[in-house]
Amino acid sequence: MLLISSRWEIPAWLRRGLAMVPVGVFSSMTIPPILFHAPKGAWSPEYVVAGAVALAVGFWKKQIVWALLSGVVIVALWRQVF
C-alpha cells in the first residue's frame, strides 16, 4: 500500500474522509459505554461523569488523547474513592 500511495495522488474528498476516521473510532468506543452501560436499568454515574469530563477536556484542549486520558483518570479515581 505504501508503494501505491507514493505514486498515486489521494483525492481531496478521500483525504477529508480519512481525517475523520480517528474521531469516528473514538466516538464508537466511548459513546456506547456511557449511554448504554446500564446495570439494573440505571446509568452508571462513573461513566456519565467521566464522559462529561472527557468531553469538556476535548473541547478545551482539542486533543483526543487528553480527552481519553482524562476520562480514564476519572473512572480510576471514582473506583478508588467509591
N, C-alpha and C. Protein backbone atom coordinates (compact mmCIF):
# COMPACT_ATOMS: atom_id res chain seq x y z
N MET A 1 0.83 -1.20 0.00
CA MET A 1 0.00 0.00 0.00
C MET A 1 0.87 1.25 0.00
N LEU A 2 1.98 1.21 0.71
CA LEU A 2 2.86 2.38 0.73
C LEU A 2 3.44 2.69 -0.64
N LEU A 3 3.77 1.65 -1.40
CA LEU A 3 4.30 1.86 -2.75
C LEU A 3 3.24 2.48 -3.66
N ILE A 4 2.02 2.00 -3.54
CA ILE A 4 0.93 2.54 -4.36
C ILE A 4 0.63 3.97 -3.97
N SER A 5 0.60 4.24 -2.66
CA SER A 5 0.25 5.60 -2.22
C SER A 5 1.32 6.61 -2.57
N SER A 6 2.57 6.19 -2.74
CA SER A 6 3.61 7.14 -3.11
C SER A 6 3.50 7.54 -4.58
N ARG A 7 2.86 6.71 -5.37
CA ARG A 7 2.71 7.01 -6.80
C ARG A 7 1.33 7.54 -7.17
N TRP A 8 0.41 7.46 -6.25
CA TRP A 8 -0.98 7.78 -6.52
C TRP A 8 -1.40 8.97 -5.68
N GLU A 9 -1.96 9.96 -6.28
CA GLU A 9 -2.44 11.15 -5.56
C GLU A 9 -3.82 10.86 -4.97
N ILE A 10 -3.93 11.02 -3.67
CA ILE A 10 -5.21 10.78 -3.00
C ILE A 10 -6.10 11.99 -3.23
N PRO A 11 -7.34 11.77 -3.70
CA PRO A 11 -8.25 12.90 -3.92
C PRO A 11 -8.57 13.63 -2.62
N ALA A 12 -8.87 14.91 -2.75
CA ALA A 12 -9.14 15.75 -1.57
C ALA A 12 -10.33 15.23 -0.77
N TRP A 13 -11.38 14.74 -1.44
CA TRP A 13 -12.56 14.26 -0.72
C TRP A 13 -12.23 13.01 0.10
N LEU A 14 -11.34 12.15 -0.42
CA LEU A 14 -10.95 10.97 0.32
C LEU A 14 -10.05 11.34 1.50
N ARG A 15 -9.17 12.30 1.30
CA ARG A 15 -8.30 12.76 2.37
C ARG A 15 -9.11 13.36 3.52
N ARG A 16 -10.16 14.15 3.18
CA ARG A 16 -11.04 14.71 4.22
C ARG A 16 -11.78 13.61 4.96
N GLY A 17 -12.23 12.61 4.23
CA GLY A 17 -12.93 11.49 4.86
C GLY A 17 -12.03 10.69 5.78
N LEU A 18 -10.81 10.44 5.35
CA LEU A 18 -9.87 9.69 6.17
C LEU A 18 -9.45 10.48 7.41
N ALA A 19 -9.50 11.79 7.34
CA ALA A 19 -9.16 12.61 8.50
C ALA A 19 -10.19 12.44 9.62
N MET A 20 -11.39 12.02 9.29
CA MET A 20 -12.44 11.86 10.29
C MET A 20 -12.45 10.46 10.93
N VAL A 21 -11.64 9.56 10.45
CA VAL A 21 -11.61 8.19 10.98
C VAL A 21 -11.27 8.17 12.47
N PRO A 22 -10.23 8.89 12.95
CA PRO A 22 -9.95 8.84 14.39
C PRO A 22 -11.12 9.32 15.25
N VAL A 23 -11.82 10.34 14.79
CA VAL A 23 -12.97 10.86 15.55
C VAL A 23 -14.07 9.81 15.59
N GLY A 24 -14.31 9.15 14.48
CA GLY A 24 -15.33 8.11 14.43
C GLY A 24 -15.00 6.92 15.31
N VAL A 25 -13.74 6.51 15.30
CA VAL A 25 -13.32 5.38 16.13
C VAL A 25 -13.44 5.75 17.61
N PHE A 26 -12.97 6.94 17.96
CA PHE A 26 -13.05 7.38 19.36
C PHE A 26 -14.51 7.46 19.81
N SER A 27 -15.37 8.00 18.98
CA SER A 27 -16.79 8.11 19.34
C SER A 27 -17.43 6.74 19.50
N SER A 28 -17.12 5.83 18.59
CA SER A 28 -17.73 4.50 18.68
C SER A 28 -17.23 3.71 19.88
N MET A 29 -16.06 4.07 20.40
CA MET A 29 -15.55 3.38 21.58
C MET A 29 -16.03 4.00 22.89
N THR A 30 -16.43 5.26 22.87
CA THR A 30 -16.79 5.94 24.12
C THR A 30 -18.27 6.16 24.31
N ILE A 31 -19.01 6.48 23.29
CA ILE A 31 -20.42 6.81 23.43
C ILE A 31 -21.26 5.62 23.92
N PRO A 32 -21.15 4.43 23.34
CA PRO A 32 -21.98 3.31 23.84
C PRO A 32 -21.77 2.97 25.31
N PRO A 33 -20.53 2.90 25.82
CA PRO A 33 -20.41 2.61 27.26
C PRO A 33 -21.02 3.68 28.15
N ILE A 34 -20.96 4.93 27.71
CA ILE A 34 -21.53 6.00 28.52
C ILE A 34 -23.05 5.92 28.53
N LEU A 35 -23.64 5.77 27.37
CA LEU A 35 -25.10 5.81 27.26
C LEU A 35 -25.78 4.49 27.57
N PHE A 36 -25.14 3.38 27.26
CA PHE A 36 -25.83 2.10 27.34
C PHE A 36 -25.26 1.17 28.41
N HIS A 37 -24.37 1.65 29.24
CA HIS A 37 -23.87 0.86 30.36
C HIS A 37 -24.85 1.06 31.51
N ALA A 38 -25.86 0.24 31.53
CA ALA A 38 -26.95 0.45 32.48
C ALA A 38 -27.19 -0.79 33.33
N PRO A 39 -26.37 -0.98 34.37
CA PRO A 39 -26.66 -2.10 35.25
C PRO A 39 -27.93 -1.82 36.06
N LYS A 40 -28.78 -2.78 36.14
CA LYS A 40 -30.05 -2.67 36.88
C LYS A 40 -30.93 -1.53 36.37
N GLY A 41 -30.82 -1.23 35.09
CA GLY A 41 -31.71 -0.24 34.48
C GLY A 41 -31.37 1.21 34.74
N ALA A 42 -30.21 1.50 35.36
CA ALA A 42 -29.84 2.89 35.65
C ALA A 42 -28.47 3.18 35.04
N TRP A 43 -28.27 4.42 34.66
CA TRP A 43 -26.96 4.81 34.13
C TRP A 43 -25.92 4.74 35.23
N SER A 44 -24.74 4.38 34.86
CA SER A 44 -23.63 4.34 35.81
C SER A 44 -23.06 5.75 35.96
N PRO A 45 -23.10 6.32 37.15
CA PRO A 45 -22.63 7.70 37.31
C PRO A 45 -21.16 7.88 37.00
N GLU A 46 -20.34 6.85 37.21
CA GLU A 46 -18.92 7.00 36.93
C GLU A 46 -18.67 7.21 35.43
N TYR A 47 -19.44 6.53 34.59
CA TYR A 47 -19.27 6.70 33.15
C TYR A 47 -19.83 8.03 32.67
N VAL A 48 -20.92 8.46 33.24
CA VAL A 48 -21.51 9.74 32.85
C VAL A 48 -20.57 10.89 33.23
N VAL A 49 -20.03 10.85 34.45
CA VAL A 49 -19.10 11.90 34.89
C VAL A 49 -17.82 11.86 34.06
N ALA A 50 -17.28 10.69 33.84
CA ALA A 50 -16.06 10.56 33.04
C ALA A 50 -16.29 11.04 31.61
N GLY A 51 -17.45 10.73 31.05
CA GLY A 51 -17.76 11.19 29.71
C GLY A 51 -17.90 12.70 29.63
N ALA A 52 -18.53 13.30 30.63
CA ALA A 52 -18.68 14.76 30.65
C ALA A 52 -17.32 15.44 30.79
N VAL A 53 -16.47 14.90 31.66
CA VAL A 53 -15.13 15.48 31.83
C VAL A 53 -14.32 15.31 30.55
N ALA A 54 -14.36 14.14 29.94
CA ALA A 54 -13.63 13.91 28.70
C ALA A 54 -14.12 14.82 27.59
N LEU A 55 -15.42 15.04 27.52
CA LEU A 55 -15.97 15.95 26.51
C LEU A 55 -15.49 17.37 26.74
N ALA A 56 -15.50 17.81 27.98
CA ALA A 56 -15.04 19.16 28.30
C ALA A 56 -13.55 19.33 27.99
N VAL A 57 -12.75 18.33 28.38
CA VAL A 57 -11.31 18.41 28.09
C VAL A 57 -11.06 18.36 26.58
N GLY A 58 -11.83 17.57 25.88
CA GLY A 58 -11.69 17.51 24.43
C GLY A 58 -11.98 18.83 23.76
N PHE A 59 -13.04 19.50 24.19
CA PHE A 59 -13.35 20.82 23.63
C PHE A 59 -12.30 21.85 24.03
N TRP A 60 -11.78 21.72 25.23
CA TRP A 60 -10.81 22.69 25.73
C TRP A 60 -9.44 22.51 25.05
N LYS A 61 -8.92 21.30 25.05
CA LYS A 61 -7.58 21.03 24.54
C LYS A 61 -7.55 20.75 23.03
N LYS A 62 -8.67 20.34 22.48
CA LYS A 62 -8.75 19.96 21.06
C LYS A 62 -7.81 18.79 20.73
N GLN A 63 -7.67 17.88 21.69
CA GLN A 63 -6.81 16.70 21.53
C GLN A 63 -7.55 15.47 22.04
N ILE A 64 -7.69 14.46 21.20
CA ILE A 64 -8.39 13.25 21.58
C ILE A 64 -7.65 12.52 22.70
N VAL A 65 -6.34 12.54 22.66
CA VAL A 65 -5.55 11.82 23.66
C VAL A 65 -5.81 12.38 25.05
N TRP A 66 -5.84 13.71 25.19
CA TRP A 66 -6.10 14.32 26.51
C TRP A 66 -7.51 14.00 26.99
N ALA A 67 -8.46 14.00 26.08
CA ALA A 67 -9.83 13.66 26.45
C ALA A 67 -9.92 12.21 26.93
N LEU A 68 -9.28 11.31 26.21
CA LEU A 68 -9.28 9.91 26.59
C LEU A 68 -8.61 9.70 27.94
N LEU A 69 -7.46 10.30 28.12
CA LEU A 69 -6.74 10.16 29.39
C LEU A 69 -7.52 10.73 30.56
N SER A 70 -8.17 11.86 30.35
CA SER A 70 -8.95 12.45 31.45
C SER A 70 -10.12 11.56 31.83
N GLY A 71 -10.77 10.95 30.85
CA GLY A 71 -11.86 10.02 31.16
C GLY A 71 -11.39 8.80 31.92
N VAL A 72 -10.25 8.26 31.51
CA VAL A 72 -9.69 7.09 32.20
C VAL A 72 -9.31 7.44 33.63
N VAL A 73 -8.71 8.62 33.83
CA VAL A 73 -8.31 9.05 35.17
C VAL A 73 -9.55 9.22 36.06
N ILE A 74 -10.61 9.80 35.52
CA ILE A 74 -11.83 9.99 36.31
C ILE A 74 -12.41 8.64 36.73
N VAL A 75 -12.47 7.69 35.82
CA VAL A 75 -13.00 6.37 36.17
C VAL A 75 -12.12 5.70 37.22
N ALA A 76 -10.81 5.80 37.07
CA ALA A 76 -9.90 5.19 38.05
C ALA A 76 -10.06 5.85 39.43
N LEU A 77 -10.12 7.16 39.45
CA LEU A 77 -10.30 7.87 40.73
C LEU A 77 -11.64 7.53 41.35
N TRP A 78 -12.67 7.48 40.53
CA TRP A 78 -14.02 7.16 41.03
C TRP A 78 -14.02 5.79 41.70
N ARG A 79 -13.37 4.84 41.06
CA ARG A 79 -13.36 3.49 41.62
C ARG A 79 -12.50 3.40 42.88
N GLN A 80 -11.52 4.25 43.02
CA GLN A 80 -10.70 4.26 44.24
C GLN A 80 -11.46 4.90 45.40
N VAL A 81 -12.19 5.96 45.11
CA VAL A 81 -12.89 6.71 46.17
C VAL A 81 -14.18 6.00 46.58
N PHE A 82 -14.94 5.53 45.60
CA PHE A 82 -16.24 4.93 45.92
C PHE A 82 -16.07 3.44 45.84
